[in-house]
N, C-alpha and C. Protein backbone atom coordinates (compact mmCIF):
# COMPACT_ATOMS: atom_id res chain seq x y z
N UNK A 1 -16.03 0.32 6.88
CA UNK A 1 -15.44 1.65 6.85
C UNK A 1 -14.83 1.91 5.47
N UNK A 2 -15.39 2.85 4.75
CA UNK A 2 -14.81 3.24 3.46
C UNK A 2 -14.69 4.76 3.40
N UNK A 3 -13.66 5.22 2.77
CA UNK A 3 -13.44 6.66 2.59
C UNK A 3 -12.46 6.84 1.44
N UNK A 4 -12.40 8.06 0.95
CA UNK A 4 -11.51 8.42 -0.14
C UNK A 4 -10.44 9.37 0.39
N UNK A 5 -9.21 9.16 -0.03
CA UNK A 5 -8.10 10.06 0.30
C UNK A 5 -7.60 10.66 -1.00
N UNK A 6 -7.34 11.96 -1.00
CA UNK A 6 -6.78 12.53 -2.22
C UNK A 6 -6.05 13.83 -1.97
N UNK A 7 -5.16 14.16 -2.89
CA UNK A 7 -4.51 15.46 -2.94
C UNK A 7 -4.43 15.88 -4.40
N UNK A 8 -3.58 16.82 -4.70
CA UNK A 8 -3.52 17.35 -6.07
C UNK A 8 -3.02 16.33 -7.07
N UNK A 9 -2.34 15.26 -6.60
CA UNK A 9 -1.69 14.30 -7.50
C UNK A 9 -2.40 12.96 -7.61
N UNK A 10 -2.97 12.50 -6.50
CA UNK A 10 -3.50 11.13 -6.49
C UNK A 10 -4.82 11.05 -5.74
N UNK A 11 -5.63 10.09 -6.15
CA UNK A 11 -6.91 9.81 -5.47
C UNK A 11 -6.92 8.33 -5.10
N UNK A 12 -7.19 8.04 -3.84
CA UNK A 12 -7.33 6.68 -3.35
C UNK A 12 -8.81 6.45 -3.05
N UNK A 13 -9.45 5.67 -3.90
CA UNK A 13 -10.89 5.40 -3.75
C UNK A 13 -11.09 3.98 -3.23
N UNK A 14 -12.19 3.74 -2.52
CA UNK A 14 -12.45 2.38 -2.04
C UNK A 14 -12.47 1.38 -3.20
N UNK A 15 -11.71 0.30 -3.05
CA UNK A 15 -11.64 -0.74 -4.07
C UNK A 15 -12.98 -1.45 -4.20
N UNK A 16 -13.40 -1.71 -5.46
CA UNK A 16 -14.66 -2.42 -5.73
C UNK A 16 -14.38 -3.50 -6.78
N UNK A 17 -15.22 -4.49 -6.80
CA UNK A 17 -15.05 -5.59 -7.75
C UNK A 17 -15.11 -5.09 -9.19
N UNK A 18 -15.87 -4.00 -9.42
CA UNK A 18 -15.99 -3.43 -10.77
C UNK A 18 -14.69 -2.82 -11.28
N UNK A 19 -13.75 -2.55 -10.37
CA UNK A 19 -12.46 -1.97 -10.77
C UNK A 19 -11.58 -2.97 -11.51
N UNK A 20 -11.96 -4.24 -11.47
CA UNK A 20 -11.16 -5.30 -12.07
C UNK A 20 -10.80 -5.00 -13.53
N UNK A 21 -11.76 -4.59 -14.34
CA UNK A 21 -11.50 -4.36 -15.77
C UNK A 21 -10.51 -3.23 -16.00
N UNK A 22 -10.51 -2.22 -15.13
CA UNK A 22 -9.57 -1.11 -15.27
C UNK A 22 -8.17 -1.48 -14.78
N UNK A 23 -8.12 -2.39 -13.79
CA UNK A 23 -6.84 -2.77 -13.20
C UNK A 23 -6.12 -3.89 -13.93
N UNK A 24 -6.87 -4.68 -14.70
CA UNK A 24 -6.30 -5.85 -15.35
C UNK A 24 -5.10 -5.54 -16.26
N UNK A 25 -5.15 -4.48 -17.10
CA UNK A 25 -3.98 -4.19 -17.94
C UNK A 25 -2.71 -3.94 -17.11
N UNK A 26 -2.87 -3.37 -15.93
CA UNK A 26 -1.71 -3.14 -15.05
C UNK A 26 -1.29 -4.46 -14.41
N UNK A 27 -2.28 -5.19 -13.89
CA UNK A 27 -2.00 -6.45 -13.19
C UNK A 27 -1.27 -7.46 -14.07
N UNK A 28 -1.47 -7.37 -15.38
CA UNK A 28 -0.84 -8.31 -16.31
C UNK A 28 0.62 -7.97 -16.62
N UNK A 29 1.10 -6.82 -16.18
CA UNK A 29 2.47 -6.43 -16.48
C UNK A 29 3.45 -7.44 -15.86
N UNK A 30 4.46 -7.77 -16.63
CA UNK A 30 5.42 -8.81 -16.22
C UNK A 30 6.19 -8.41 -14.98
N UNK A 31 6.30 -9.35 -14.05
CA UNK A 31 7.07 -9.20 -12.81
C UNK A 31 6.60 -8.05 -11.93
N UNK A 32 5.34 -7.65 -12.06
CA UNK A 32 4.83 -6.54 -11.25
C UNK A 32 4.78 -6.91 -9.78
N UNK A 33 4.38 -8.14 -9.49
CA UNK A 33 4.29 -8.58 -8.09
C UNK A 33 5.20 -9.79 -7.84
N UNK A 34 6.39 -9.77 -8.41
CA UNK A 34 7.30 -10.91 -8.29
C UNK A 34 7.72 -11.20 -6.85
N UNK A 35 7.66 -10.19 -5.97
CA UNK A 35 8.06 -10.39 -4.58
C UNK A 35 6.86 -10.59 -3.65
N UNK A 36 5.69 -10.76 -4.22
CA UNK A 36 4.45 -10.88 -3.45
C UNK A 36 3.88 -12.29 -3.57
N UNK A 37 3.15 -12.75 -2.54
CA UNK A 37 2.49 -14.06 -2.64
C UNK A 37 1.16 -14.00 -3.41
N UNK A 38 0.79 -12.84 -3.91
CA UNK A 38 -0.51 -12.67 -4.57
C UNK A 38 -0.45 -12.92 -6.07
N UNK A 39 -1.50 -13.57 -6.58
CA UNK A 39 -1.65 -13.80 -8.01
C UNK A 39 -2.71 -12.83 -8.54
N UNK A 40 -2.33 -11.99 -9.50
CA UNK A 40 -3.27 -11.01 -10.06
C UNK A 40 -3.25 -11.00 -11.58
N UNK A 41 -2.54 -11.93 -12.20
CA UNK A 41 -2.23 -11.84 -13.63
C UNK A 41 -3.34 -12.23 -14.59
N UNK A 42 -4.43 -12.83 -14.11
CA UNK A 42 -5.54 -13.20 -14.99
C UNK A 42 -6.82 -12.57 -14.46
N UNK A 43 -7.87 -12.45 -15.28
CA UNK A 43 -9.13 -11.87 -14.79
C UNK A 43 -9.66 -12.61 -13.57
N UNK A 44 -9.61 -13.94 -13.57
CA UNK A 44 -10.12 -14.73 -12.44
C UNK A 44 -9.28 -14.49 -11.18
N UNK A 45 -7.96 -14.47 -11.35
CA UNK A 45 -7.07 -14.26 -10.21
C UNK A 45 -7.25 -12.87 -9.62
N UNK A 46 -7.37 -11.85 -10.47
CA UNK A 46 -7.55 -10.48 -10.00
C UNK A 46 -8.89 -10.32 -9.28
N UNK A 47 -9.94 -10.91 -9.83
CA UNK A 47 -11.26 -10.85 -9.16
C UNK A 47 -11.20 -11.51 -7.79
N UNK A 48 -10.50 -12.63 -7.71
CA UNK A 48 -10.35 -13.33 -6.44
C UNK A 48 -9.55 -12.48 -5.45
N UNK A 49 -8.49 -11.83 -5.94
CA UNK A 49 -7.66 -10.94 -5.13
C UNK A 49 -8.51 -9.82 -4.53
N UNK A 50 -9.34 -9.20 -5.38
CA UNK A 50 -10.22 -8.12 -4.92
C UNK A 50 -11.27 -8.66 -3.95
N UNK A 51 -11.83 -9.82 -4.26
CA UNK A 51 -12.84 -10.42 -3.39
C UNK A 51 -12.28 -10.67 -1.98
N UNK A 52 -11.06 -11.20 -1.92
CA UNK A 52 -10.42 -11.44 -0.61
C UNK A 52 -10.21 -10.13 0.14
N UNK A 53 -9.75 -9.10 -0.58
CA UNK A 53 -9.54 -7.79 0.05
C UNK A 53 -10.85 -7.25 0.62
N UNK A 54 -11.96 -7.43 -0.11
CA UNK A 54 -13.26 -6.93 0.35
C UNK A 54 -13.78 -7.75 1.53
N UNK A 55 -13.48 -9.05 1.53
CA UNK A 55 -13.86 -9.89 2.68
C UNK A 55 -13.10 -9.44 3.93
N UNK A 56 -11.81 -9.14 3.76
CA UNK A 56 -11.01 -8.66 4.89
C UNK A 56 -11.53 -7.30 5.38
N UNK A 57 -12.02 -6.50 4.44
CA UNK A 57 -12.60 -5.21 4.82
C UNK A 57 -13.85 -5.43 5.68
N UNK A 58 -14.68 -6.40 5.31
CA UNK A 58 -15.86 -6.73 6.11
C UNK A 58 -15.46 -7.17 7.52
N UNK A 59 -14.32 -7.84 7.62
CA UNK A 59 -13.83 -8.32 8.91
C UNK A 59 -13.07 -7.23 9.67
N UNK A 60 -12.98 -6.03 9.08
CA UNK A 60 -12.31 -4.87 9.67
C UNK A 60 -10.80 -5.07 9.88
N UNK A 61 -10.19 -5.95 9.05
CA UNK A 61 -8.74 -6.14 9.14
C UNK A 61 -8.02 -5.49 7.97
N UNK A 62 -8.77 -4.93 7.02
CA UNK A 62 -8.18 -4.36 5.81
C UNK A 62 -9.06 -3.22 5.29
N UNK A 63 -8.42 -2.21 4.69
CA UNK A 63 -9.14 -1.14 3.98
C UNK A 63 -8.43 -0.96 2.65
N UNK A 64 -8.97 -1.57 1.57
CA UNK A 64 -8.29 -1.52 0.27
C UNK A 64 -8.71 -0.33 -0.59
N UNK A 65 -7.76 0.14 -1.38
CA UNK A 65 -7.99 1.29 -2.26
C UNK A 65 -7.53 0.98 -3.69
N UNK A 66 -8.19 1.63 -4.64
CA UNK A 66 -7.68 1.69 -6.00
C UNK A 66 -6.97 3.04 -6.13
N UNK A 67 -5.82 3.04 -6.81
CA UNK A 67 -5.01 4.26 -6.97
C UNK A 67 -5.32 4.88 -8.32
N UNK A 68 -5.70 6.17 -8.30
CA UNK A 68 -5.98 6.89 -9.55
C UNK A 68 -5.00 8.06 -9.66
N UNK A 69 -4.25 8.06 -10.74
CA UNK A 69 -3.30 9.14 -11.01
C UNK A 69 -4.08 10.32 -11.57
N UNK A 70 -4.16 11.41 -10.82
CA UNK A 70 -4.94 12.57 -11.26
C UNK A 70 -4.25 13.34 -12.39
N UNK A 71 -2.94 13.14 -12.51
CA UNK A 71 -2.19 13.82 -13.57
C UNK A 71 -2.59 13.29 -14.95
N UNK A 72 -2.73 11.96 -15.04
CA UNK A 72 -3.08 11.34 -16.33
C UNK A 72 -4.54 10.88 -16.37
N UNK A 73 -5.24 11.06 -15.22
CA UNK A 73 -6.63 10.61 -15.07
C UNK A 73 -6.76 9.14 -15.48
N UNK A 74 -5.96 8.30 -14.82
CA UNK A 74 -5.98 6.88 -15.15
C UNK A 74 -5.75 6.02 -13.91
N UNK A 75 -6.26 4.79 -13.98
CA UNK A 75 -6.03 3.82 -12.91
C UNK A 75 -4.55 3.46 -12.90
N UNK A 76 -3.97 3.44 -11.69
CA UNK A 76 -2.52 3.20 -11.58
C UNK A 76 -2.19 1.93 -10.80
N UNK A 77 -3.14 1.42 -10.00
CA UNK A 77 -2.84 0.23 -9.21
C UNK A 77 -3.70 0.14 -7.97
N UNK A 78 -3.17 -0.57 -6.97
CA UNK A 78 -3.89 -0.83 -5.71
C UNK A 78 -2.96 -0.66 -4.51
N UNK A 79 -3.57 -0.44 -3.35
CA UNK A 79 -2.85 -0.44 -2.08
C UNK A 79 -3.88 -0.68 -0.98
N UNK A 80 -3.41 -0.90 0.23
CA UNK A 80 -4.38 -1.05 1.33
C UNK A 80 -3.74 -0.91 2.70
N UNK A 81 -4.60 -0.55 3.67
CA UNK A 81 -4.27 -0.75 5.07
C UNK A 81 -4.60 -2.22 5.32
N UNK A 82 -3.71 -2.95 6.00
CA UNK A 82 -3.95 -4.37 6.21
C UNK A 82 -3.42 -4.82 7.57
N UNK A 83 -3.78 -6.04 7.95
CA UNK A 83 -3.39 -6.56 9.27
C UNK A 83 -3.70 -5.52 10.35
N UNK A 84 -4.88 -4.93 10.26
CA UNK A 84 -5.24 -3.85 11.19
C UNK A 84 -5.50 -4.42 12.58
N UNK A 85 -4.72 -3.95 13.53
CA UNK A 85 -4.87 -4.34 14.93
C UNK A 85 -5.42 -3.13 15.68
N UNK A 86 -6.76 -3.10 15.80
CA UNK A 86 -7.43 -1.94 16.40
C UNK A 86 -7.09 -1.80 17.88
N UNK A 87 -6.90 -2.92 18.58
CA UNK A 87 -6.62 -2.85 20.02
C UNK A 87 -5.25 -2.25 20.31
N UNK A 88 -4.25 -2.68 19.55
CA UNK A 88 -2.89 -2.21 19.79
C UNK A 88 -2.52 -0.99 18.94
N UNK A 89 -3.47 -0.55 18.10
CA UNK A 89 -3.28 0.65 17.27
C UNK A 89 -2.08 0.54 16.33
N UNK A 90 -1.99 -0.64 15.69
CA UNK A 90 -0.93 -0.91 14.72
C UNK A 90 -1.57 -1.42 13.44
N UNK A 91 -1.10 -0.92 12.30
CA UNK A 91 -1.55 -1.45 11.01
C UNK A 91 -0.40 -1.49 10.04
N UNK A 92 -0.59 -2.23 8.96
CA UNK A 92 0.41 -2.29 7.89
C UNK A 92 -0.13 -1.52 6.68
N UNK A 93 0.77 -0.92 5.93
CA UNK A 93 0.46 -0.43 4.59
C UNK A 93 1.14 -1.40 3.64
N UNK A 94 0.35 -2.02 2.77
CA UNK A 94 0.95 -3.02 1.90
C UNK A 94 0.04 -3.43 0.76
N UNK A 95 0.34 -4.59 0.17
CA UNK A 95 -0.36 -5.05 -1.04
C UNK A 95 -0.42 -3.92 -2.06
N UNK A 96 0.68 -3.19 -2.16
CA UNK A 96 0.75 -2.07 -3.10
C UNK A 96 1.38 -2.52 -4.40
N UNK A 97 0.69 -2.29 -5.50
CA UNK A 97 1.28 -2.51 -6.82
C UNK A 97 0.81 -1.40 -7.75
N UNK A 98 1.79 -0.86 -8.46
CA UNK A 98 1.59 0.30 -9.32
C UNK A 98 2.18 -0.01 -10.69
N UNK A 99 1.45 0.34 -11.74
CA UNK A 99 1.91 0.11 -13.10
C UNK A 99 3.29 0.67 -13.34
N UNK A 100 4.06 0.00 -14.19
CA UNK A 100 5.44 0.40 -14.42
C UNK A 100 5.55 1.82 -14.97
N UNK A 101 4.53 2.25 -15.72
CA UNK A 101 4.57 3.60 -16.27
C UNK A 101 4.42 4.69 -15.21
N UNK A 102 3.96 4.30 -13.99
CA UNK A 102 3.79 5.25 -12.90
C UNK A 102 4.94 5.19 -11.90
N UNK A 103 5.77 4.17 -12.01
CA UNK A 103 6.88 4.01 -11.07
C UNK A 103 7.95 5.06 -11.36
N UNK A 104 8.49 5.62 -10.27
CA UNK A 104 9.53 6.63 -10.42
C UNK A 104 9.00 8.02 -10.74
N UNK A 105 7.67 8.20 -10.72
CA UNK A 105 7.08 9.51 -11.04
C UNK A 105 6.74 10.32 -9.79
N UNK A 106 6.92 9.71 -8.61
CA UNK A 106 6.54 10.37 -7.36
C UNK A 106 5.13 10.02 -6.90
N UNK A 107 4.40 9.29 -7.73
CA UNK A 107 3.02 8.94 -7.39
C UNK A 107 2.95 8.14 -6.09
N UNK A 108 3.81 7.14 -5.95
CA UNK A 108 3.77 6.29 -4.76
C UNK A 108 4.06 7.07 -3.49
N UNK A 109 4.91 8.08 -3.56
CA UNK A 109 5.20 8.90 -2.38
C UNK A 109 3.95 9.65 -1.94
N UNK A 110 3.18 10.15 -2.90
CA UNK A 110 1.91 10.82 -2.57
C UNK A 110 0.94 9.83 -1.93
N UNK A 111 0.89 8.60 -2.47
CA UNK A 111 0.03 7.56 -1.90
C UNK A 111 0.39 7.31 -0.44
N UNK A 112 1.69 7.11 -0.19
CA UNK A 112 2.13 6.79 1.17
C UNK A 112 1.90 7.97 2.12
N UNK A 113 2.11 9.20 1.64
CA UNK A 113 1.85 10.36 2.49
C UNK A 113 0.40 10.39 2.94
N UNK A 114 -0.53 10.24 1.99
CA UNK A 114 -1.95 10.27 2.33
C UNK A 114 -2.31 9.19 3.34
N UNK A 115 -1.77 7.99 3.12
CA UNK A 115 -2.10 6.87 4.00
C UNK A 115 -1.49 7.03 5.38
N UNK A 116 -0.24 7.48 5.44
CA UNK A 116 0.41 7.70 6.74
C UNK A 116 -0.30 8.80 7.51
N UNK A 117 -0.56 9.90 6.86
CA UNK A 117 -1.22 11.03 7.52
C UNK A 117 -2.59 10.61 8.07
N UNK A 118 -3.36 9.90 7.27
CA UNK A 118 -4.69 9.50 7.71
C UNK A 118 -4.62 8.49 8.86
N UNK A 119 -3.69 7.54 8.77
CA UNK A 119 -3.56 6.53 9.83
C UNK A 119 -3.20 7.18 11.17
N UNK A 120 -2.25 8.10 11.16
CA UNK A 120 -1.79 8.72 12.40
C UNK A 120 -2.73 9.84 12.88
N UNK A 121 -3.19 10.68 11.97
CA UNK A 121 -3.89 11.90 12.37
C UNK A 121 -5.40 11.77 12.42
N UNK A 122 -5.96 10.84 11.67
CA UNK A 122 -7.43 10.69 11.65
C UNK A 122 -7.89 9.39 12.32
N UNK A 123 -7.16 8.30 12.09
CA UNK A 123 -7.58 7.01 12.63
C UNK A 123 -7.04 6.74 14.03
N UNK A 124 -6.06 7.52 14.46
CA UNK A 124 -5.52 7.38 15.81
C UNK A 124 -4.58 6.20 16.01
N UNK A 125 -3.93 5.74 14.93
CA UNK A 125 -2.99 4.64 15.08
C UNK A 125 -1.65 5.15 15.59
N UNK A 126 -0.93 4.26 16.28
CA UNK A 126 0.32 4.64 16.93
C UNK A 126 1.55 4.05 16.23
N UNK A 127 1.31 3.13 15.29
CA UNK A 127 2.42 2.57 14.54
C UNK A 127 1.93 2.10 13.18
N UNK A 128 2.74 2.37 12.15
CA UNK A 128 2.48 1.88 10.80
C UNK A 128 3.68 1.03 10.39
N UNK A 129 3.38 -0.18 9.90
CA UNK A 129 4.44 -1.10 9.49
C UNK A 129 4.39 -1.37 7.99
N UNK A 130 5.54 -1.77 7.46
CA UNK A 130 5.67 -2.19 6.07
C UNK A 130 6.43 -3.51 6.08
N UNK A 131 5.97 -4.51 5.31
CA UNK A 131 6.65 -5.79 5.21
C UNK A 131 7.09 -5.99 3.76
N UNK A 132 8.40 -6.22 3.56
CA UNK A 132 8.97 -6.24 2.20
C UNK A 132 9.95 -7.40 2.04
N UNK A 133 9.88 -8.06 0.91
CA UNK A 133 10.85 -9.11 0.56
C UNK A 133 12.25 -8.53 0.68
N UNK A 134 13.12 -9.26 1.36
CA UNK A 134 14.50 -8.81 1.58
C UNK A 134 15.21 -8.47 0.27
N UNK A 135 14.86 -9.15 -0.82
CA UNK A 135 15.53 -8.94 -2.11
C UNK A 135 15.01 -7.72 -2.87
N UNK A 136 13.88 -7.17 -2.42
CA UNK A 136 13.23 -6.08 -3.16
C UNK A 136 13.85 -4.74 -2.76
N UNK A 137 15.02 -4.48 -3.33
CA UNK A 137 15.78 -3.27 -2.96
C UNK A 137 15.03 -1.99 -3.29
N UNK A 138 14.32 -1.98 -4.41
CA UNK A 138 13.59 -0.77 -4.81
C UNK A 138 12.55 -0.36 -3.75
N UNK A 139 11.74 -1.33 -3.31
CA UNK A 139 10.72 -1.03 -2.30
C UNK A 139 11.34 -0.72 -0.94
N UNK A 140 12.41 -1.41 -0.61
CA UNK A 140 13.07 -1.14 0.67
C UNK A 140 13.62 0.28 0.71
N UNK A 141 14.26 0.70 -0.38
CA UNK A 141 14.79 2.08 -0.43
C UNK A 141 13.65 3.09 -0.36
N UNK A 142 12.52 2.77 -1.00
CA UNK A 142 11.38 3.69 -1.01
C UNK A 142 10.83 3.91 0.40
N UNK A 143 10.68 2.84 1.20
CA UNK A 143 10.13 3.03 2.55
C UNK A 143 11.18 3.64 3.48
N UNK A 144 12.45 3.37 3.23
CA UNK A 144 13.50 4.02 4.01
C UNK A 144 13.50 5.53 3.74
N UNK A 145 13.23 5.89 2.49
CA UNK A 145 13.14 7.30 2.12
C UNK A 145 11.96 7.99 2.80
N UNK A 146 10.93 7.21 3.11
CA UNK A 146 9.76 7.75 3.83
C UNK A 146 10.08 8.01 5.29
N UNK A 147 11.16 7.43 5.80
CA UNK A 147 11.52 7.59 7.20
C UNK A 147 11.26 6.36 8.04
N UNK A 148 10.85 5.25 7.42
CA UNK A 148 10.60 4.01 8.17
C UNK A 148 11.93 3.37 8.57
N UNK A 149 11.93 2.77 9.75
CA UNK A 149 13.14 2.13 10.27
C UNK A 149 13.03 0.61 10.17
N UNK A 150 14.14 -0.02 9.76
CA UNK A 150 14.19 -1.48 9.72
C UNK A 150 14.23 -2.00 11.15
N UNK A 151 13.25 -2.84 11.49
CA UNK A 151 13.14 -3.36 12.86
C UNK A 151 13.61 -4.79 12.98
N UNK A 152 13.71 -5.48 11.86
CA UNK A 152 14.16 -6.86 11.90
C UNK A 152 13.79 -7.60 10.63
N UNK A 153 14.26 -8.83 10.51
CA UNK A 153 13.98 -9.65 9.34
C UNK A 153 13.40 -10.98 9.79
N UNK A 154 12.22 -11.30 9.27
CA UNK A 154 11.60 -12.60 9.52
C UNK A 154 12.15 -13.57 8.48
N UNK A 155 12.83 -14.60 8.92
CA UNK A 155 13.51 -15.50 8.01
C UNK A 155 12.56 -16.56 7.45
N UNK A 156 12.59 -16.71 6.12
CA UNK A 156 11.82 -17.73 5.42
C UNK A 156 10.40 -17.87 5.97
N UNK A 157 9.63 -16.77 5.90
CA UNK A 157 8.30 -16.81 6.53
C UNK A 157 7.13 -16.74 5.55
N UNK A 158 7.37 -16.47 4.25
CA UNK A 158 6.27 -16.37 3.29
C UNK A 158 6.65 -17.09 1.99
N UNK A 159 5.78 -18.00 1.54
CA UNK A 159 5.96 -18.64 0.24
C UNK A 159 5.47 -17.71 -0.86
N UNK A 160 6.23 -17.60 -1.95
CA UNK A 160 5.80 -16.84 -3.12
C UNK A 160 5.22 -17.81 -4.15
N UNK A 161 4.66 -17.26 -5.22
CA UNK A 161 3.98 -18.08 -6.22
C UNK A 161 4.90 -19.10 -6.89
N UNK A 162 6.19 -18.75 -6.99
CA UNK A 162 7.14 -19.66 -7.64
C UNK A 162 7.70 -20.72 -6.68
N UNK A 163 7.19 -20.74 -5.44
CA UNK A 163 7.64 -21.72 -4.46
C UNK A 163 8.79 -21.25 -3.59
N UNK A 164 9.38 -20.11 -3.91
CA UNK A 164 10.48 -19.55 -3.11
C UNK A 164 9.92 -19.07 -1.76
N UNK A 165 10.64 -19.36 -0.69
CA UNK A 165 10.22 -18.88 0.64
C UNK A 165 11.08 -17.68 1.02
N UNK A 166 10.45 -16.53 1.05
CA UNK A 166 11.21 -15.29 1.21
C UNK A 166 11.52 -14.96 2.66
N UNK A 167 12.56 -14.15 2.83
CA UNK A 167 12.82 -13.45 4.08
C UNK A 167 12.09 -12.11 4.00
N UNK A 168 11.43 -11.71 5.07
CA UNK A 168 10.62 -10.49 5.06
C UNK A 168 11.20 -9.44 5.98
N UNK A 169 11.52 -8.27 5.42
CA UNK A 169 12.02 -7.14 6.20
C UNK A 169 10.85 -6.38 6.81
N UNK A 170 10.94 -6.12 8.11
CA UNK A 170 9.88 -5.41 8.83
C UNK A 170 10.35 -3.98 9.12
N UNK A 171 9.63 -3.03 8.56
CA UNK A 171 9.91 -1.60 8.77
C UNK A 171 8.76 -0.98 9.56
N UNK A 172 9.06 0.09 10.31
CA UNK A 172 8.00 0.74 11.06
C UNK A 172 8.22 2.24 11.23
N UNK A 173 7.11 2.94 11.41
CA UNK A 173 7.11 4.36 11.78
C UNK A 173 6.19 4.48 13.00
N UNK A 174 6.68 5.15 14.05
CA UNK A 174 5.91 5.35 15.26
C UNK A 174 5.25 6.72 15.25
N UNK A 175 4.14 6.82 15.98
CA UNK A 175 3.38 8.07 16.03
C UNK A 175 4.26 9.25 16.43
N UNK A 176 5.10 9.08 17.45
CA UNK A 176 5.91 10.21 17.91
C UNK A 176 6.99 10.61 16.89
N UNK A 177 7.23 9.74 15.90
CA UNK A 177 8.19 10.07 14.84
C UNK A 177 7.52 10.79 13.67
N UNK A 178 6.19 10.69 13.59
CA UNK A 178 5.46 11.12 12.40
C UNK A 178 5.60 12.62 12.11
N UNK A 179 5.43 13.48 13.10
CA UNK A 179 5.46 14.92 12.83
C UNK A 179 6.81 15.36 12.27
N UNK A 180 7.88 14.80 12.81
CA UNK A 180 9.21 15.11 12.30
C UNK A 180 9.39 14.62 10.87
N UNK A 181 8.93 13.40 10.61
CA UNK A 181 9.00 12.83 9.25
C UNK A 181 8.16 13.66 8.29
N UNK A 182 6.98 14.03 8.74
CA UNK A 182 6.06 14.80 7.88
C UNK A 182 6.68 16.14 7.47
N UNK A 183 7.24 16.86 8.43
CA UNK A 183 7.80 18.18 8.11
C UNK A 183 9.11 18.07 7.33
N UNK A 184 9.87 17.01 7.58
CA UNK A 184 11.18 16.86 6.92
C UNK A 184 11.06 16.27 5.51
N UNK A 185 10.16 15.28 5.34
CA UNK A 185 10.12 14.54 4.07
C UNK A 185 8.90 14.82 3.21
N UNK A 186 7.88 15.46 3.77
CA UNK A 186 6.64 15.68 3.01
C UNK A 186 6.24 17.16 2.99
N UNK A 187 7.21 18.04 3.05
CA UNK A 187 6.91 19.47 3.01
C UNK A 187 6.20 19.81 1.69
N UNK A 188 5.09 20.52 1.78
CA UNK A 188 4.36 20.91 0.58
C UNK A 188 3.30 19.93 0.15
N UNK A 189 3.23 18.76 0.80
CA UNK A 189 2.17 17.79 0.49
C UNK A 189 0.90 18.21 1.21
N UNK A 190 -0.24 17.95 0.60
CA UNK A 190 -1.51 18.26 1.25
C UNK A 190 -2.50 17.17 0.93
N UNK A 191 -3.62 17.16 1.66
CA UNK A 191 -4.61 16.10 1.44
C UNK A 191 -6.00 16.56 1.78
N UNK A 192 -6.96 15.76 1.34
CA UNK A 192 -8.35 15.94 1.75
C UNK A 192 -8.98 14.55 1.82
N UNK A 193 -9.95 14.40 2.70
CA UNK A 193 -10.61 13.11 2.92
C UNK A 193 -12.10 13.27 2.71
N UNK A 194 -12.72 12.29 2.10
CA UNK A 194 -14.18 12.30 2.01
C UNK A 194 -14.71 10.90 2.27
N UNK A 195 -15.90 10.83 2.78
CA UNK A 195 -16.50 9.53 3.13
C UNK A 195 -17.04 8.84 1.88
C-alpha cells in the first residue's frame, strides 16, 4: 500500500531507496535522532534504515514517507505509520526526523495533520499512538499540542545507540476525539491524497 499525502505546505511521498542521497545531508545533522534507537548518520546506515522500513511495508506493518517542504521545494526528512495493528485498528506515527532548518517552522504540524486525518478518515483506524523518549521535551510538547494524551510511561524499555535504556512515554488520540481536535487545533488545514 503506497500513497501520497499533501497540502499547500508539505508533500509526503512513499519512501524509496533512491531518496537516500537527498536525505543524507539531513540525516548527518548532529543529535538529530539522539532519542531514537535508529542509526542514520552514514550512507550505509541510512540505506539500511530505509531498507528495513521498506521490508516492514511489505509486511504491512509500516507505511514510510519522505517529507518534502513545498515552501522551499526541498527534502526535509522522514516519517511513517508503524506498528500497524490492522485487527485492532491501532497504529503509531513515528520514526519522524526533520532537518533542523525545518524545525519550528510549522512543517511538522502539517505532517501530523495529514497523517492523523488519513489514518482516521480514510484508513478507518480508531486510535493513533506516539512513543517518545521521556527526556525529549520538545517532541512531547509537540504531540501534546496536537491533542494527544499521555497514557503511561514504559520504564527502561528501549536501548539507544549510546547504550542508554530509555523510558518511553505513550501518547494517544482516539477516533471519537479526532473531530474535536481537528476543528480546535487544525482549523484552516486542508489535504489531498493520491495513489
